[in-house]
Each structure stands twice: as C-alpha cells, then as structure tokens.
C-alpha cells in the first residue's frame, strides 16, 4: 500500500513537472532562425556576385542556359512572387519587365530588393502567421517552410553561378558555411 501511495505521489509530481515545462516552453523563433540564415546566405551571395567581372554578367556556357545575371534576377523574381502570392502581400515585382541582360550593378540591385523584401516580410510576421498553413504544390505547409523553399531555390541558382565562375577561370572564394 505504501508503494502504491509513493508511486501515486511520484506520478503526480512528475506529471505536474511535465505540464509546467510544457506551459513554460517558448515557441520556436522561426523568424529569428530564418533571418540569421538569410544573413549568411546574403553574405555568400554577395561574395559570389562580387567575384564575377561586370563584363561576364551576360556569360552563359550554352545558348539554352541562363546568363550569370539571369540566374540572380530569376531567383529574385521567383522568391518575391512566391512570398507575395502565397502570403497575400504586395509583390515588389508586379510591374517588372526584364527585356535585356542586367549589368553587375543592376543585378546586385535586384538581389538587394529580394533580400530586403524577405527581411521585411519576416520581420512583419507573427509566430502565428509563420505557423499558419498555406498551400504549396499539392500540400499544405506552415508558412515558415516557404522561406526554406525559396532559399533552396536560391542555393540551386547560386550553384550554377559557381560553375560559371570556374568556367571563366575564377576560383570561387567566400563559402560561409552554416
């Protein structure tokens, strides 16, 4: 009987500890984590953009591929379009028309605009906004995952640009790791 009483008391004690821990656990700071990751991404992207000479921003290894500049402008368009459309925001590219290759300076301006939009969007979102389900592809995902999806797309195009650098005899510098 004493053992049962002791077990009941311990069970009650551990049960109350568990519920206190759950109540006191803060929600994960998705915005803070994504913003920290974006800063690394941004620094690495600018290091790569800086290494390609302005005269090679229209470089593409074969006719069917994008130019060095197009990779970055395309990524900025994709990122902002995805965020704006899926989060019901005003799109900074709603009236954008790309009718020619961009110079180094113009390309960097578009990358600036993309990162500024991502940062502004994240800073304006609450934890509840980031946890809200949105449609992507054929599934519903929390909104915070959309930022990882667009960053994955950024990595894809940044990878191309590393190859473009090497094809022009430039050894890429500046990998920033995570």
N, C-alpha and C. Protein backbone atom coordinates (compact mmCIF):
# COMPACT_ATOMS: atom_id res chain seq x y z
N UNK A 1 0.82 -1.19 0.00
CA UNK A 1 0.00 0.00 0.00
C UNK A 1 0.86 1.25 0.00
N UNK A 2 1.95 1.21 0.82
CA UNK A 2 2.85 2.36 0.87
C UNK A 2 3.50 2.57 -0.50
N UNK A 3 3.82 1.47 -1.18
CA UNK A 3 4.44 1.58 -2.51
C UNK A 3 3.48 2.23 -3.50
N UNK A 4 2.20 1.84 -3.42
CA UNK A 4 1.21 2.43 -4.32
C UNK A 4 1.04 3.92 -4.05
N UNK A 5 1.01 4.28 -2.78
CA UNK A 5 0.89 5.69 -2.40
C UNK A 5 2.09 6.48 -2.89
N UNK A 6 3.29 5.92 -2.72
CA UNK A 6 4.52 6.56 -3.18
C UNK A 6 4.50 6.73 -4.70
N UNK A 7 4.10 5.69 -5.41
CA UNK A 7 4.02 5.76 -6.88
C UNK A 7 3.01 6.82 -7.32
N UNK A 8 1.88 6.90 -6.64
CA UNK A 8 0.86 7.90 -6.98
C UNK A 8 1.40 9.31 -6.75
N UNK A 9 2.10 9.50 -5.63
CA UNK A 9 2.69 10.82 -5.35
C UNK A 9 3.74 11.19 -6.38
N UNK A 10 4.62 10.23 -6.69
CA UNK A 10 5.66 10.50 -7.70
C UNK A 10 5.04 10.78 -9.06
N UNK A 11 4.02 9.98 -9.41
CA UNK A 11 3.34 10.20 -10.68
C UNK A 11 2.73 11.59 -10.75
N UNK A 12 2.12 12.02 -9.67
CA UNK A 12 1.55 13.37 -9.61
C UNK A 12 2.62 14.44 -9.70
N UNK A 13 3.74 14.20 -9.01
CA UNK A 13 4.84 15.17 -9.04
C UNK A 13 5.41 15.30 -10.44
N UNK A 14 5.73 14.15 -11.08
CA UNK A 14 6.30 14.21 -12.43
C UNK A 14 5.29 14.71 -13.44
N UNK A 15 4.05 14.37 -13.25
CA UNK A 15 3.01 14.88 -14.14
C UNK A 15 2.89 16.39 -14.07
N UNK A 16 2.98 16.95 -12.86
CA UNK A 16 2.88 18.41 -12.73
C UNK A 16 4.13 19.08 -13.28
N UNK A 17 5.29 18.43 -13.12
CA UNK A 17 6.53 19.00 -13.69
C UNK A 17 6.44 19.05 -15.21
N UNK A 18 5.92 18.00 -15.80
CA UNK A 18 5.82 17.94 -17.25
C UNK A 18 4.90 19.03 -17.76
N UNK A 19 3.76 19.22 -17.12
CA UNK A 19 2.84 20.25 -17.60
C UNK A 19 3.41 21.65 -17.40
N UNK A 20 4.16 21.85 -16.32
CA UNK A 20 4.79 23.17 -16.12
C UNK A 20 5.82 23.44 -17.20
N UNK A 21 6.60 22.44 -17.54
CA UNK A 21 7.62 22.60 -18.58
C UNK A 21 6.94 22.92 -19.90
N UNK A 22 5.87 22.22 -20.20
CA UNK A 22 5.18 22.47 -21.45
C UNK A 22 4.60 23.88 -21.48
N UNK A 23 4.05 24.33 -20.39
CA UNK A 23 3.48 25.67 -20.35
C UNK A 23 4.55 26.74 -20.45
N UNK A 24 5.73 26.47 -19.92
CA UNK A 24 6.78 27.48 -19.91
C UNK A 24 7.65 27.44 -21.17
N UNK A 25 7.54 26.38 -21.99
CA UNK A 25 8.37 26.26 -23.18
C UNK A 25 8.01 27.36 -24.17
N UNK A 26 8.98 28.14 -24.58
CA UNK A 26 8.69 29.17 -25.58
C UNK A 26 8.51 28.53 -26.95
N UNK A 27 7.76 29.21 -27.82
CA UNK A 27 7.61 28.72 -29.18
C UNK A 27 8.93 28.95 -29.90
N UNK A 28 9.20 28.10 -30.85
CA UNK A 28 10.43 28.25 -31.63
C UNK A 28 10.37 29.55 -32.42
N UNK A 29 11.46 30.28 -32.43
CA UNK A 29 11.54 31.57 -33.12
C UNK A 29 11.94 31.34 -34.59
N UNK A 30 10.96 30.96 -35.40
CA UNK A 30 11.23 30.70 -36.81
C UNK A 30 11.79 31.93 -37.50
N UNK A 31 11.20 33.09 -37.25
CA UNK A 31 11.65 34.32 -37.91
C UNK A 31 13.11 34.61 -37.57
N UNK A 32 13.47 34.51 -36.31
CA UNK A 32 14.86 34.75 -35.91
C UNK A 32 15.82 33.78 -36.55
N UNK A 33 15.44 32.51 -36.59
CA UNK A 33 16.31 31.49 -37.20
C UNK A 33 16.46 31.73 -38.70
N UNK A 34 15.36 32.05 -39.36
CA UNK A 34 15.43 32.29 -40.80
C UNK A 34 16.21 33.56 -41.10
N UNK A 35 16.01 34.60 -40.32
CA UNK A 35 16.76 35.85 -40.53
C UNK A 35 18.26 35.62 -40.36
N UNK A 36 18.66 34.84 -39.37
CA UNK A 36 20.08 34.55 -39.17
C UNK A 36 20.64 33.78 -40.37
N UNK A 37 19.87 32.84 -40.87
CA UNK A 37 20.28 32.07 -42.04
C UNK A 37 20.36 32.95 -43.28
N UNK A 38 19.40 33.87 -43.40
CA UNK A 38 19.40 34.79 -44.55
C UNK A 38 20.64 35.67 -44.57
N UNK A 39 21.10 36.08 -43.41
CA UNK A 39 22.32 36.91 -43.35
C UNK A 39 23.51 36.16 -43.91
N UNK A 40 23.62 34.87 -43.59
CA UNK A 40 24.70 34.04 -44.13
C UNK A 40 24.54 33.87 -45.63
N UNK A 41 23.32 33.61 -46.06
CA UNK A 41 23.03 33.43 -47.48
C UNK A 41 23.38 34.70 -48.26
N UNK A 42 22.98 35.81 -47.71
CA UNK A 42 23.21 37.11 -48.35
C UNK A 42 24.72 37.38 -48.48
N UNK A 43 25.46 37.16 -47.42
CA UNK A 43 26.91 37.41 -47.46
C UNK A 43 27.58 36.52 -48.51
N UNK A 44 27.18 35.26 -48.57
CA UNK A 44 27.76 34.34 -49.54
C UNK A 44 27.38 34.74 -50.96
N UNK A 45 26.11 35.11 -51.16
CA UNK A 45 25.65 35.53 -52.48
C UNK A 45 26.42 36.76 -52.96
N UNK A 46 26.57 37.76 -52.09
CA UNK A 46 27.31 38.96 -52.49
C UNK A 46 28.78 38.67 -52.76
N UNK A 47 29.36 37.74 -52.04
CA UNK A 47 30.77 37.36 -52.29
C UNK A 47 30.90 36.79 -53.70
N UNK A 48 29.94 35.99 -54.11
CA UNK A 48 29.97 35.40 -55.45
C UNK A 48 29.71 36.47 -56.51
N UNK A 49 28.70 37.30 -56.29
CA UNK A 49 28.40 38.36 -57.24
C UNK A 49 29.59 39.28 -57.45
N UNK A 50 30.30 39.55 -56.38
CA UNK A 50 31.45 40.44 -56.44
C UNK A 50 32.59 39.85 -57.27
N UNK A 51 32.72 38.53 -57.25
CA UNK A 51 33.85 37.88 -57.95
C UNK A 51 33.69 37.86 -59.47
N UNK A 52 32.46 37.88 -59.95
CA UNK A 52 32.27 37.85 -61.41
C UNK A 52 32.45 39.26 -61.96
N UNK A 53 33.36 39.43 -62.91
CA UNK A 53 33.55 40.76 -63.52
C UNK A 53 32.27 41.21 -64.25
N UNK A 54 32.03 42.51 -64.24
CA UNK A 54 30.85 43.08 -64.89
C UNK A 54 30.76 42.61 -66.35
N UNK A 55 31.90 42.49 -67.01
CA UNK A 55 31.92 42.11 -68.42
C UNK A 55 31.42 40.68 -68.66
N UNK A 56 31.31 39.87 -67.60
CA UNK A 56 30.86 38.49 -67.75
C UNK A 56 29.47 38.23 -67.16
N UNK A 57 28.75 39.26 -66.79
CA UNK A 57 27.41 39.06 -66.25
C UNK A 57 26.44 38.54 -67.31
N UNK A 58 26.79 38.69 -68.60
CA UNK A 58 25.96 38.14 -69.66
C UNK A 58 26.48 36.79 -70.15
N UNK A 59 27.44 36.22 -69.42
CA UNK A 59 28.03 34.93 -69.80
C UNK A 59 27.05 33.79 -69.58
N UNK A 60 26.98 32.89 -70.56
CA UNK A 60 26.28 31.62 -70.41
C UNK A 60 27.03 30.59 -71.25
N UNK A 61 27.24 29.42 -70.68
CA UNK A 61 28.07 28.41 -71.36
C UNK A 61 27.46 27.87 -72.65
N UNK A 62 26.15 27.78 -72.73
CA UNK A 62 25.47 27.31 -73.94
C UNK A 62 24.23 28.17 -74.15
N UNK A 63 23.75 28.23 -75.39
CA UNK A 63 22.61 29.11 -75.69
C UNK A 63 21.35 28.85 -74.86
N UNK A 64 21.11 27.60 -74.48
CA UNK A 64 19.86 27.31 -73.77
C UNK A 64 19.91 27.62 -72.28
N UNK A 65 21.07 27.93 -71.75
CA UNK A 65 21.19 28.23 -70.32
C UNK A 65 20.99 29.72 -70.04
N UNK A 66 20.73 30.03 -68.78
CA UNK A 66 20.60 31.43 -68.35
C UNK A 66 21.98 32.07 -68.28
N UNK A 67 22.01 33.38 -68.40
CA UNK A 67 23.26 34.09 -68.16
C UNK A 67 23.52 34.13 -66.65
N UNK A 68 24.73 34.51 -66.29
CA UNK A 68 25.06 34.65 -64.87
C UNK A 68 24.05 35.58 -64.19
N UNK A 69 23.79 36.72 -64.81
CA UNK A 69 22.84 37.68 -64.25
C UNK A 69 21.43 37.11 -64.18
N UNK A 70 21.01 36.41 -65.22
CA UNK A 70 19.65 35.87 -65.25
C UNK A 70 19.37 34.93 -64.07
N UNK A 71 20.37 34.17 -63.66
CA UNK A 71 20.17 33.29 -62.51
C UNK A 71 19.71 34.08 -61.29
N UNK A 72 20.36 35.20 -61.06
CA UNK A 72 20.05 36.00 -59.87
C UNK A 72 18.76 36.80 -60.01
N UNK A 73 18.52 37.34 -61.19
CA UNK A 73 17.28 38.09 -61.41
C UNK A 73 16.09 37.13 -61.37
N UNK A 74 16.24 35.97 -62.00
CA UNK A 74 15.19 34.95 -61.95
C UNK A 74 14.91 34.55 -60.50
N UNK A 75 15.95 34.34 -59.73
CA UNK A 75 15.77 33.95 -58.34
C UNK A 75 15.04 35.04 -57.54
N UNK A 76 15.38 36.28 -57.78
CA UNK A 76 14.70 37.39 -57.09
C UNK A 76 13.21 37.40 -57.46
N UNK A 77 12.91 37.23 -58.74
CA UNK A 77 11.52 37.19 -59.19
C UNK A 77 10.77 36.02 -58.55
N UNK A 78 11.36 34.85 -58.62
CA UNK A 78 10.72 33.65 -58.07
C UNK A 78 10.46 33.82 -56.57
N UNK A 79 11.47 34.26 -55.84
CA UNK A 79 11.36 34.40 -54.39
C UNK A 79 10.24 35.38 -54.03
N UNK A 80 10.28 36.55 -54.61
CA UNK A 80 9.28 37.58 -54.27
C UNK A 80 7.89 37.18 -54.75
N UNK A 81 7.80 36.54 -55.92
CA UNK A 81 6.49 36.08 -56.40
C UNK A 81 5.90 35.03 -55.46
N UNK A 82 6.71 34.08 -55.04
CA UNK A 82 6.22 33.03 -54.13
C UNK A 82 5.75 33.63 -52.82
N UNK A 83 6.57 34.47 -52.22
CA UNK A 83 6.20 35.06 -50.94
C UNK A 83 4.96 35.94 -51.06
N UNK A 84 4.95 36.81 -52.07
CA UNK A 84 3.82 37.73 -52.23
C UNK A 84 2.52 36.98 -52.51
N UNK A 85 2.57 36.05 -53.44
CA UNK A 85 1.34 35.35 -53.82
C UNK A 85 0.82 34.44 -52.71
N UNK A 86 1.70 33.73 -52.05
CA UNK A 86 1.25 32.75 -51.06
C UNK A 86 0.94 33.36 -49.70
N UNK A 87 1.52 34.55 -49.43
CA UNK A 87 1.27 35.21 -48.15
C UNK A 87 0.36 36.44 -48.31
N UNK A 88 -0.19 36.61 -49.50
CA UNK A 88 -1.09 37.73 -49.82
C UNK A 88 -0.45 39.09 -49.50
N UNK A 89 0.73 39.30 -50.09
CA UNK A 89 1.46 40.56 -49.91
C UNK A 89 1.56 41.28 -51.25
N UNK A 90 1.86 42.56 -51.18
CA UNK A 90 2.10 43.30 -52.42
C UNK A 90 3.45 42.87 -52.99
N UNK A 91 3.46 42.51 -54.25
CA UNK A 91 4.65 41.99 -54.91
C UNK A 91 5.53 43.14 -55.41
N UNK A 92 6.78 43.21 -54.96
CA UNK A 92 7.66 44.28 -55.45
C UNK A 92 8.00 44.13 -56.93
N UNK A 93 7.66 43.01 -57.52
CA UNK A 93 7.94 42.77 -58.94
C UNK A 93 6.68 42.74 -59.80
N UNK A 94 5.57 43.25 -59.28
CA UNK A 94 4.31 43.12 -60.02
C UNK A 94 4.37 43.78 -61.40
N UNK A 95 5.12 44.85 -61.57
CA UNK A 95 5.21 45.53 -62.87
C UNK A 95 6.57 45.36 -63.54
N UNK A 96 7.32 44.40 -63.10
CA UNK A 96 8.69 44.21 -63.58
C UNK A 96 8.71 43.58 -64.97
N UNK A 97 9.54 44.13 -65.83
CA UNK A 97 9.76 43.58 -67.17
C UNK A 97 11.27 43.52 -67.39
N UNK A 98 11.76 42.33 -67.68
CA UNK A 98 13.19 42.17 -67.96
C UNK A 98 13.32 41.98 -69.46
N UNK A 99 13.86 42.98 -70.12
CA UNK A 99 13.94 42.95 -71.58
C UNK A 99 15.36 42.84 -72.10
N UNK A 100 16.33 42.76 -71.17
CA UNK A 100 17.73 42.68 -71.58
C UNK A 100 18.53 42.10 -70.42
N UNK A 101 19.78 41.76 -70.70
CA UNK A 101 20.65 41.31 -69.62
C UNK A 101 20.99 42.50 -68.72
N UNK A 102 21.16 42.21 -67.46
CA UNK A 102 21.47 43.25 -66.49
C UNK A 102 22.96 43.33 -66.24
N UNK A 103 23.42 44.52 -65.95
CA UNK A 103 24.82 44.72 -65.57
C UNK A 103 25.03 44.18 -64.16
N UNK A 104 26.26 44.17 -63.74
CA UNK A 104 26.58 43.74 -62.38
C UNK A 104 25.82 44.60 -61.37
N UNK A 105 25.90 45.89 -61.54
CA UNK A 105 25.23 46.81 -60.61
C UNK A 105 23.72 46.59 -60.58
N UNK A 106 23.11 46.43 -61.74
CA UNK A 106 21.66 46.21 -61.81
C UNK A 106 21.27 44.87 -61.19
N UNK A 107 22.07 43.85 -61.42
CA UNK A 107 21.80 42.53 -60.84
C UNK A 107 21.86 42.61 -59.32
N UNK A 108 22.88 43.25 -58.81
CA UNK A 108 23.03 43.39 -57.36
C UNK A 108 21.85 44.17 -56.77
N UNK A 109 21.34 45.17 -57.49
CA UNK A 109 20.17 45.91 -57.03
C UNK A 109 18.95 44.99 -56.89
N UNK A 110 18.79 44.06 -57.83
CA UNK A 110 17.66 43.13 -57.75
C UNK A 110 17.84 42.15 -56.59
N UNK A 111 19.06 41.71 -56.36
CA UNK A 111 19.34 40.83 -55.22
C UNK A 111 19.07 41.59 -53.92
N UNK A 112 19.48 42.86 -53.88
CA UNK A 112 19.18 43.70 -52.71
C UNK A 112 17.67 43.77 -52.46
N UNK A 113 16.93 43.98 -53.53
CA UNK A 113 15.47 44.11 -53.42
C UNK A 113 14.86 42.81 -52.89
N UNK A 114 15.37 41.67 -53.37
CA UNK A 114 14.86 40.38 -52.92
C UNK A 114 15.11 40.18 -51.42
N UNK A 115 16.36 40.39 -50.99
CA UNK A 115 16.68 40.18 -49.57
C UNK A 115 15.94 41.18 -48.68
N UNK A 116 15.77 42.40 -49.16
CA UNK A 116 15.04 43.41 -48.38
C UNK A 116 13.57 42.98 -48.22
N UNK A 117 12.98 42.46 -49.29
CA UNK A 117 11.59 42.02 -49.22
C UNK A 117 11.44 40.82 -48.28
N UNK A 118 12.37 39.89 -48.37
CA UNK A 118 12.32 38.72 -47.47
C UNK A 118 12.43 39.16 -46.01
N UNK A 119 13.38 40.05 -45.74
CA UNK A 119 13.60 40.52 -44.37
C UNK A 119 12.38 41.28 -43.86
N UNK A 120 11.88 42.19 -44.66
CA UNK A 120 10.70 42.99 -44.27
C UNK A 120 9.51 42.07 -44.00
N UNK A 121 9.33 41.09 -44.84
CA UNK A 121 8.22 40.16 -44.68
C UNK A 121 8.35 39.38 -43.38
N UNK A 122 9.52 38.83 -43.14
CA UNK A 122 9.74 38.05 -41.91
C UNK A 122 9.56 38.90 -40.66
N UNK A 123 10.09 40.10 -40.68
CA UNK A 123 10.00 40.97 -39.51
C UNK A 123 8.56 41.38 -39.20
N UNK A 124 7.71 41.37 -40.21
CA UNK A 124 6.31 41.76 -40.01
C UNK A 124 5.43 40.58 -39.59
N UNK A 125 5.93 39.37 -39.72
CA UNK A 125 5.11 38.19 -39.42
C UNK A 125 5.18 37.82 -37.95
N UNK A 126 4.05 37.44 -37.42
CA UNK A 126 3.99 36.95 -36.04
C UNK A 126 4.27 35.44 -36.06
N UNK A 127 4.46 34.88 -34.88
CA UNK A 127 4.63 33.43 -34.77
C UNK A 127 3.41 32.72 -35.35
N UNK A 128 2.24 33.25 -35.08
CA UNK A 128 1.01 32.65 -35.60
C UNK A 128 0.98 32.71 -37.13
N UNK A 129 1.42 33.84 -37.70
CA UNK A 129 1.49 33.95 -39.17
C UNK A 129 2.41 32.88 -39.75
N UNK A 130 3.54 32.68 -39.11
CA UNK A 130 4.53 31.72 -39.60
C UNK A 130 4.07 30.28 -39.45
N UNK A 131 3.21 30.02 -38.49
CA UNK A 131 2.69 28.66 -38.27
C UNK A 131 1.45 28.37 -39.12
N UNK A 132 0.83 29.42 -39.67
CA UNK A 132 -0.39 29.24 -40.46
C UNK A 132 -0.10 28.38 -41.69
N UNK A 133 -1.02 27.50 -41.99
CA UNK A 133 -0.89 26.60 -43.15
C UNK A 133 -1.17 27.37 -44.45
N UNK A 134 -0.32 27.15 -45.43
CA UNK A 134 -0.51 27.71 -46.77
C UNK A 134 -0.38 26.57 -47.77
N UNK A 135 -0.88 26.78 -48.95
CA UNK A 135 -0.77 25.75 -49.97
C UNK A 135 0.53 25.94 -50.75
N UNK A 136 1.22 24.84 -50.95
CA UNK A 136 2.41 24.85 -51.80
C UNK A 136 2.45 23.51 -52.51
N UNK A 137 2.47 23.56 -53.82
CA UNK A 137 2.41 22.31 -54.57
C UNK A 137 1.07 21.65 -54.30
N UNK A 138 1.12 20.41 -53.92
CA UNK A 138 -0.13 19.68 -53.65
C UNK A 138 -0.30 19.40 -52.16
N UNK A 139 0.31 20.24 -51.33
CA UNK A 139 0.18 20.02 -49.89
C UNK A 139 0.07 21.35 -49.16
N UNK A 140 -0.33 21.26 -47.92
CA UNK A 140 -0.35 22.42 -47.04
C UNK A 140 0.89 22.37 -46.16
N UNK A 141 1.53 23.51 -46.03
CA UNK A 141 2.75 23.61 -45.23
C UNK A 141 2.64 24.83 -44.32
N UNK A 142 3.39 24.84 -43.21
CA UNK A 142 3.41 26.08 -42.42
C UNK A 142 4.15 27.15 -43.22
N UNK A 143 3.73 28.39 -43.08
CA UNK A 143 4.31 29.49 -43.86
C UNK A 143 5.83 29.58 -43.70
N UNK A 144 6.36 29.26 -42.53
CA UNK A 144 7.81 29.36 -42.33
C UNK A 144 8.57 28.46 -43.30
N UNK A 145 7.98 27.35 -43.71
CA UNK A 145 8.67 26.46 -44.65
C UNK A 145 8.86 27.10 -46.02
N UNK A 146 7.99 28.03 -46.38
CA UNK A 146 8.12 28.70 -47.67
C UNK A 146 9.47 29.42 -47.77
N UNK A 147 9.94 29.96 -46.67
CA UNK A 147 11.23 30.65 -46.68
C UNK A 147 12.37 29.66 -46.94
N UNK A 148 12.24 28.45 -46.46
CA UNK A 148 13.25 27.42 -46.72
C UNK A 148 13.18 26.96 -48.19
N UNK A 149 11.97 26.91 -48.72
CA UNK A 149 11.80 26.52 -50.12
C UNK A 149 12.45 27.54 -51.04
N UNK A 150 12.22 28.83 -50.80
CA UNK A 150 12.82 29.84 -51.69
C UNK A 150 14.34 29.90 -51.49
N UNK A 151 14.81 29.63 -50.28
CA UNK A 151 16.26 29.61 -50.06
C UNK A 151 16.89 28.41 -50.77
N UNK A 152 16.19 27.28 -50.81
CA UNK A 152 16.68 26.13 -51.55
C UNK A 152 16.80 26.47 -53.04
N UNK A 153 15.83 27.20 -53.55
CA UNK A 153 15.87 27.66 -54.94
C UNK A 153 17.07 28.59 -55.16
N UNK A 154 17.32 29.47 -54.20
CA UNK A 154 18.48 30.36 -54.26
C UNK A 154 19.77 29.54 -54.32
N UNK A 155 19.87 28.52 -53.49
CA UNK A 155 21.07 27.67 -53.48
C UNK A 155 21.28 27.01 -54.83
N UNK A 156 20.20 26.57 -55.44
CA UNK A 156 20.26 25.93 -56.75
C UNK A 156 20.90 26.87 -57.78
N UNK A 157 20.43 28.10 -57.84
CA UNK A 157 20.96 29.05 -58.82
C UNK A 157 22.34 29.56 -58.43
N UNK A 158 22.60 29.71 -57.17
CA UNK A 158 23.94 30.11 -56.73
C UNK A 158 24.95 29.03 -57.13
N UNK A 159 24.54 27.77 -57.07
CA UNK A 159 25.41 26.68 -57.51
C UNK A 159 25.80 26.80 -58.97
N UNK A 160 24.83 27.16 -59.81
CA UNK A 160 25.14 27.40 -61.21
C UNK A 160 26.21 28.49 -61.33
N UNK A 161 26.04 29.55 -60.59
CA UNK A 161 26.96 30.68 -60.73
C UNK A 161 28.38 30.31 -60.32
N UNK A 162 28.52 29.37 -59.39
CA UNK A 162 29.86 28.90 -59.01
C UNK A 162 30.53 28.20 -60.20
N UNK A 163 29.75 27.42 -60.93
CA UNK A 163 30.28 26.75 -62.12
C UNK A 163 30.66 27.79 -63.17
N UNK A 164 29.83 28.81 -63.34
CA UNK A 164 30.12 29.87 -64.31
C UNK A 164 31.43 30.58 -63.96
N UNK A 165 31.65 30.83 -62.67
CA UNK A 165 32.91 31.44 -62.27
C UNK A 165 34.08 30.55 -62.69
N UNK A 166 34.01 29.28 -62.35
CA UNK A 166 35.10 28.35 -62.68
C UNK A 166 35.31 28.22 -64.18
N UNK A 167 34.23 28.27 -64.95
CA UNK A 167 34.37 28.17 -66.40
C UNK A 167 35.08 29.39 -66.98
N UNK A 168 35.18 30.44 -66.19
CA UNK A 168 35.89 31.65 -66.61
C UNK A 168 37.21 31.80 -65.87
N UNK A 169 37.69 30.72 -65.30
CA UNK A 169 39.00 30.73 -64.65
C UNK A 169 39.03 31.40 -63.28
N UNK A 170 37.87 31.60 -62.67
CA UNK A 170 37.79 32.26 -61.37
C UNK A 170 37.51 31.19 -60.31
N UNK A 171 38.41 31.09 -59.35
CA UNK A 171 38.22 30.13 -58.26
C UNK A 171 37.33 30.82 -57.21
N UNK A 172 36.12 30.28 -56.99
CA UNK A 172 35.21 30.93 -56.03
C UNK A 172 35.80 31.00 -54.62
N UNK A 173 35.60 32.13 -54.01
CA UNK A 173 36.03 32.34 -52.62
C UNK A 173 34.80 32.70 -51.80
N UNK A 174 34.92 32.48 -50.52
CA UNK A 174 33.92 33.04 -49.62
C UNK A 174 32.84 32.11 -49.14
N UNK A 175 33.04 30.77 -49.22
CA UNK A 175 31.99 29.91 -48.68
C UNK A 175 31.86 30.20 -47.20
N UNK A 176 30.65 30.46 -46.75
CA UNK A 176 30.43 30.89 -45.38
C UNK A 176 29.92 29.82 -44.45
N UNK A 177 29.64 28.61 -44.95
CA UNK A 177 29.18 27.55 -44.06
C UNK A 177 28.08 28.02 -43.12
N UNK A 178 27.52 27.11 -42.41
CA UNK A 178 26.41 27.48 -41.54
C UNK A 178 26.75 27.15 -40.14
